[in-house]
Protein backbone atom coordinates (compact mmCIF):
# COMPACT_ATOMS: atom_id res chain seq x y z
CA MET A 1 24.07 -68.61 -20.72
CA ASP A 2 25.17 -70.52 -23.81
CA ASN A 3 23.58 -73.88 -24.92
CA ALA A 4 26.53 -75.99 -23.43
CA GLN A 5 26.06 -74.30 -20.09
CA LEU A 6 22.22 -74.72 -20.33
CA LYS A 7 22.76 -78.40 -20.88
CA ARG A 8 25.00 -78.73 -17.87
CA GLU A 9 22.44 -76.77 -15.85
CA MET A 10 19.59 -78.94 -17.01
CA LEU A 11 21.30 -82.13 -16.11
CA LYS A 12 22.23 -80.84 -12.71
CA PHE A 13 18.71 -79.65 -12.11
CA PHE A 14 17.15 -82.97 -13.08
CA LYS A 15 19.44 -84.75 -10.67
CA SER A 16 18.47 -82.54 -7.82
CA VAL A 17 14.80 -83.34 -8.59
CA ARG A 18 15.69 -87.09 -8.45
CA GLU A 19 17.28 -86.46 -5.06
CA GLU A 20 14.01 -85.02 -3.86
CA LEU A 21 12.34 -88.26 -4.88
CA ASP A 22 14.88 -90.11 -2.93
CA LYS A 23 14.16 -88.05 0.18
CA VAL A 24 10.50 -88.91 -0.21
CA ALA A 25 11.23 -92.55 -0.36
CA ALA A 26 13.72 -92.49 2.55
CA GLU A 27 11.05 -90.85 4.91
CA LEU A 28 8.18 -93.21 4.08
CA THR A 29 6.74 -95.47 6.75
CA GLU A 30 6.02 -99.05 5.99
CA ASP A 31 2.27 -98.23 6.20
CA GLN A 32 2.79 -95.50 3.56
CA LYS A 33 4.62 -97.93 1.21
CA LYS A 34 1.84 -100.49 1.53
CA GLU A 35 -1.07 -97.97 1.19
CA ARG A 36 -3.44 -98.46 -1.67
CA GLY A 37 -4.77 -95.33 -3.33
CA SER A 38 -7.86 -94.49 -5.36
CA LEU A 39 -8.57 -92.53 -8.48
CA ASP A 40 -9.42 -89.53 -6.30
CA LYS A 41 -6.43 -89.83 -3.82
CA TRP A 42 -3.22 -91.53 -5.10
CA SER A 43 -0.94 -93.27 -2.77
CA VAL A 44 2.76 -92.69 -2.97
CA SER A 45 3.20 -95.95 -4.98
CA ASP A 46 0.57 -94.53 -7.46
CA ILE A 47 2.58 -91.24 -7.75
CA PHE A 48 5.81 -93.22 -8.66
CA THR A 49 3.76 -95.38 -11.15
CA HIS A 50 2.52 -92.14 -12.84
CA LEU A 51 5.99 -90.74 -13.08
CA VAL A 52 7.33 -93.96 -14.59
CA PHE A 53 4.67 -93.87 -17.25
CA TRP A 54 5.28 -90.26 -18.33
CA GLN A 55 9.05 -90.60 -18.17
CA GLU A 56 8.92 -93.68 -20.38
CA HIS A 57 6.52 -91.99 -22.67
CA PHE A 58 8.96 -89.05 -22.97
CA ASN A 59 11.76 -91.48 -23.74
CA LYS A 60 9.83 -93.32 -26.47
CA GLN A 61 8.86 -90.08 -28.09
CA LEU A 62 12.43 -88.79 -28.12
CA GLU A 63 13.95 -92.06 -29.36
CA ALA A 64 11.37 -92.33 -32.19
CA ALA A 65 11.97 -88.79 -33.30
CA GLN A 66 15.76 -89.46 -33.29
CA LYS A 67 15.19 -92.42 -35.57
CA GLY A 68 12.88 -90.66 -37.80
CA GLU A 69 10.03 -92.91 -36.87
CA ASN A 70 6.46 -92.03 -36.02
CA VAL A 71 6.24 -90.30 -32.67
CA PRO A 72 3.64 -91.74 -30.22
CA ASN A 73 1.45 -89.04 -28.72
CA ALA A 74 -0.88 -88.91 -25.70
CA GLY A 75 -3.22 -86.31 -27.26
CA ASP A 76 -5.83 -84.52 -25.16
CA TYR A 77 -7.02 -87.67 -23.44
CA TYR A 78 -4.24 -87.72 -20.90
CA LEU A 79 -6.57 -87.59 -17.95
CA LEU A 80 -8.20 -90.82 -19.14
CA LEU A 81 -4.76 -92.06 -19.82
CA ASN A 82 -3.60 -91.39 -16.27
CA ASP A 83 -6.64 -93.28 -14.88
CA GLY A 84 -5.73 -96.29 -17.04
CA VAL A 85 -2.24 -96.23 -15.84
CA PHE A 86 -3.55 -96.27 -12.17
CA ILE A 87 -5.88 -99.04 -12.81
CA ARG A 88 -3.38 -101.27 -14.54
CA ASN A 89 -0.74 -100.82 -11.88
CA ALA A 90 -2.88 -100.59 -8.74
CA ASP A 91 -1.53 -103.85 -7.33
CA ASN A 92 2.16 -103.09 -7.94
CA SER A 93 4.38 -102.46 -4.81
CA PHE A 94 6.07 -99.27 -3.96
CA GLU A 95 9.46 -101.02 -4.17
CA GLU A 96 8.67 -102.32 -7.61
CA MET A 97 7.57 -98.85 -8.95
CA SER A 98 10.41 -96.99 -7.15
CA LYS A 99 12.98 -99.23 -9.05
CA LYS A 100 11.31 -98.65 -12.37
CA GLU A 101 11.17 -94.96 -11.78
CA ILE A 102 14.99 -94.95 -11.16
CA GLU A 103 15.48 -97.09 -14.31
CA SER A 104 13.31 -94.80 -16.54
CA PHE A 105 15.04 -91.69 -15.19
CA LYS A 106 18.52 -93.28 -15.78
CA LYS A 107 17.40 -93.84 -19.37
CA SER A 108 16.33 -90.29 -19.80
CA ILE A 109 19.59 -88.98 -18.49
CA GLU A 110 21.41 -91.07 -21.05
CA LEU A 111 19.33 -89.71 -23.78
CA PHE A 112 19.86 -86.20 -22.66
CA GLU A 113 23.60 -86.64 -22.34
CA ALA A 114 23.77 -87.87 -25.98
CA ILE A 115 21.88 -84.76 -27.30
CA ASP A 116 23.96 -82.02 -28.89
CA ALA A 117 23.73 -78.92 -26.77
CA ASP A 118 22.62 -76.78 -29.69
CA ASP A 119 19.96 -79.25 -30.63
CA LEU A 120 18.63 -79.24 -27.13
CA ASN A 121 17.52 -75.63 -27.38
CA ASP A 122 16.62 -75.70 -31.10
CA PRO A 123 12.69 -75.20 -31.51
CA GLU A 124 13.06 -76.75 -35.13
CA LYS A 125 15.01 -79.80 -34.28
CA TYR A 126 11.98 -82.15 -33.31
CA GLU A 127 8.83 -81.77 -35.45
CA TYR A 128 6.60 -83.51 -32.98
CA LEU A 129 7.17 -80.72 -30.46
CA GLN A 130 5.70 -78.09 -32.82
CA LYS A 131 8.43 -75.51 -32.55
CA ARG A 132 9.17 -76.10 -28.92
CA PRO A 133 12.69 -77.08 -27.99
CA ILE A 134 13.28 -80.31 -26.28
CA LEU A 135 14.76 -78.41 -23.27
CA ASP A 136 11.50 -76.77 -22.68
CA ARG A 137 9.45 -79.99 -22.71
CA ALA A 138 12.03 -81.79 -20.58
CA LEU A 139 11.98 -79.18 -17.91
CA GLY A 140 8.19 -79.50 -17.88
CA THR A 141 8.25 -83.36 -17.47
CA TYR A 142 11.38 -83.87 -15.32
CA GLY A 143 11.16 -80.63 -13.36
CA TRP A 144 7.81 -79.03 -12.74
CA HIS A 145 5.68 -82.18 -13.14
CA THR A 146 7.78 -84.29 -10.66
CA VAL A 147 8.07 -81.41 -8.04
CA ASP A 148 4.36 -80.72 -8.38
CA HIS A 149 3.55 -84.41 -7.39
CA ILE A 150 6.06 -84.38 -4.59
CA SER A 151 4.51 -81.18 -3.31
CA ASN A 152 1.03 -82.61 -3.57
CA PHE A 153 2.13 -85.63 -1.54
CA TYR A 154 3.53 -83.42 1.24
CA VAL A 155 0.26 -81.52 1.37
CA SER A 156 -1.85 -84.69 1.60
CA ASN A 157 0.24 -85.71 4.60
CA GLY A 158 -0.32 -82.50 6.38
CA GLN A 159 3.08 -80.96 5.53
CA LEU A 160 2.08 -77.82 3.79
CA ASP A 161 5.09 -75.84 5.08
CA LYS A 162 7.44 -78.35 3.52
CA SER A 163 5.41 -78.26 0.24
CA VAL A 164 5.61 -74.42 0.26
CA LYS A 165 9.49 -74.57 0.67
CA LEU A 166 9.71 -77.08 -2.18
CA GLN A 167 7.64 -75.14 -4.47
CA GLU A 168 9.47 -71.90 -3.84
CA SER A 169 12.92 -73.49 -4.01
CA TYR A 170 12.27 -75.17 -7.33
CA ALA A 171 10.48 -72.08 -8.92
CA GLU A 172 13.76 -70.22 -8.33
CA LYS A 173 15.71 -73.00 -9.90
CA MET A 174 13.45 -73.20 -12.89
CA LYS A 175 13.61 -69.38 -13.48
CA ARG A 176 17.19 -69.78 -14.44
CA PHE A 177 16.01 -71.32 -17.66
CA PRO A 178 14.71 -68.49 -19.99
CA SER A 179 11.97 -70.67 -21.58
CA TRP A 180 10.58 -71.46 -18.19
CA LYS A 181 10.81 -68.26 -16.29
CA ALA A 182 7.36 -67.09 -16.75
CA ASN A 183 5.84 -70.64 -16.37
CA ALA A 184 7.80 -71.17 -13.14
CA VAL A 185 6.45 -68.00 -11.58
CA TYR A 186 2.89 -68.54 -12.81
CA ASN A 187 2.90 -72.19 -11.55
CA LEU A 188 4.06 -70.93 -8.22
CA ALA A 189 1.11 -68.46 -8.23
CA CYS A 190 -1.27 -71.37 -8.97
CA PHE A 191 0.19 -73.25 -5.95
CA TYR A 192 -0.30 -70.29 -3.74
CA SER A 193 -3.82 -69.79 -5.06
CA THR A 194 -4.99 -73.37 -4.45
CA HIS A 195 -3.74 -73.25 -0.90
CA GLY A 196 -5.22 -69.88 0.07
CA ILE A 197 -2.01 -67.86 0.04
CA LYS A 198 -3.59 -65.13 -1.93
CA GLU A 199 -1.20 -62.24 -1.41
CA LYS A 200 1.74 -64.25 -2.67
CA ALA A 201 -0.35 -65.64 -5.51
CA LEU A 202 -1.05 -61.98 -6.69
CA GLU A 203 2.65 -60.97 -6.33
CA ASN A 204 3.65 -63.92 -8.60
CA LEU A 205 0.93 -63.25 -11.18
CA LYS A 206 1.98 -59.79 -11.70
CA ILE A 207 5.53 -60.96 -12.47
CA ALA A 208 4.30 -63.80 -14.80
CA PHE A 209 1.90 -61.45 -16.64
CA LYS A 210 4.74 -59.07 -17.21
CA GLU A 211 6.96 -61.85 -18.62
CA ARG A 212 4.09 -63.46 -20.68
CA PRO A 213 1.01 -61.37 -21.19
CA GLU A 214 -0.78 -64.25 -22.92
CA LEU A 215 -1.00 -65.90 -19.46
CA ILE A 216 -3.66 -63.34 -18.52
CA ASP A 217 -6.31 -64.91 -20.79
CA TRP A 218 -5.24 -68.37 -19.62
CA SER A 219 -5.61 -67.41 -15.91
CA LYS A 220 -9.27 -66.37 -16.54
CA GLU A 221 -10.01 -70.01 -17.33
CA ASP A 222 -7.51 -71.73 -15.25
CA PRO A 223 -9.20 -73.88 -12.47
CA ASP A 224 -6.24 -73.14 -10.25
CA MET A 225 -7.24 -69.58 -10.19
CA GLU A 226 -10.82 -70.26 -9.00
CA PRO A 227 -9.94 -69.21 -5.26
CA MET A 228 -8.78 -65.86 -6.63
CA ARG A 229 -11.84 -65.00 -8.74
CA GLY A 230 -13.75 -63.22 -6.16
CA GLU A 231 -10.67 -60.98 -5.19
CA LYS A 232 -11.03 -57.40 -6.56
CA THR A 233 -7.21 -57.20 -6.89
CA PHE A 234 -7.13 -60.28 -9.08
CA GLN A 235 -10.13 -58.97 -11.22
CA ALA A 236 -8.32 -55.67 -11.72
CA LEU A 237 -5.12 -57.38 -12.61
CA VAL A 238 -6.56 -59.65 -15.32
CA GLU A 239 -8.86 -56.98 -16.65
CA GLY A 240 -6.15 -54.36 -16.92
């Protein structure tokens, strides 16, 4: 797949994720729209607020980098940042945050469409990404991150089967992008692990480790793998 095709596939992929958000919004009850969340359990309005913040943050970083300006970074305190975003926006309505999410996503697509296809996959193009292509970062922000929150929303509403189908479908889509193939498989393994689907977790870990052996060390510390730690098959897999 050349860079021009990668760009087309990326834009198509992001629009499909946006359609998943539209499905969530369309199926909400009035009570769900009005629900107030907490720091421990976000409402659907909180999820949209969170997505707005990180999409706008991505846009600001990219625009600053393109202008040669200082790039704003979230640093390692992103969890505290997420809590702050929740607190500041706790009283915003679902309708308001849904509208803002659509606007921030539209802005993102405009920025992506304006990027040269070769620059999109160039690890040296944007210094703030530390030798990571903007394509890789974008797939994380607009692909996996959004899908993961939609998936968590389904689980919290007793729709595990729907969440599983979503995770599996989008893992397959993300595997088409070379820089995300191993991550997509590993993240799916994490999902299976946290929901007690251990056999499938192991199957996907084997594939991910083969693609990116450095994930083995990460899995030993990854909290998503905690349900697997007592499994002899997991222990044998990570210890070689």
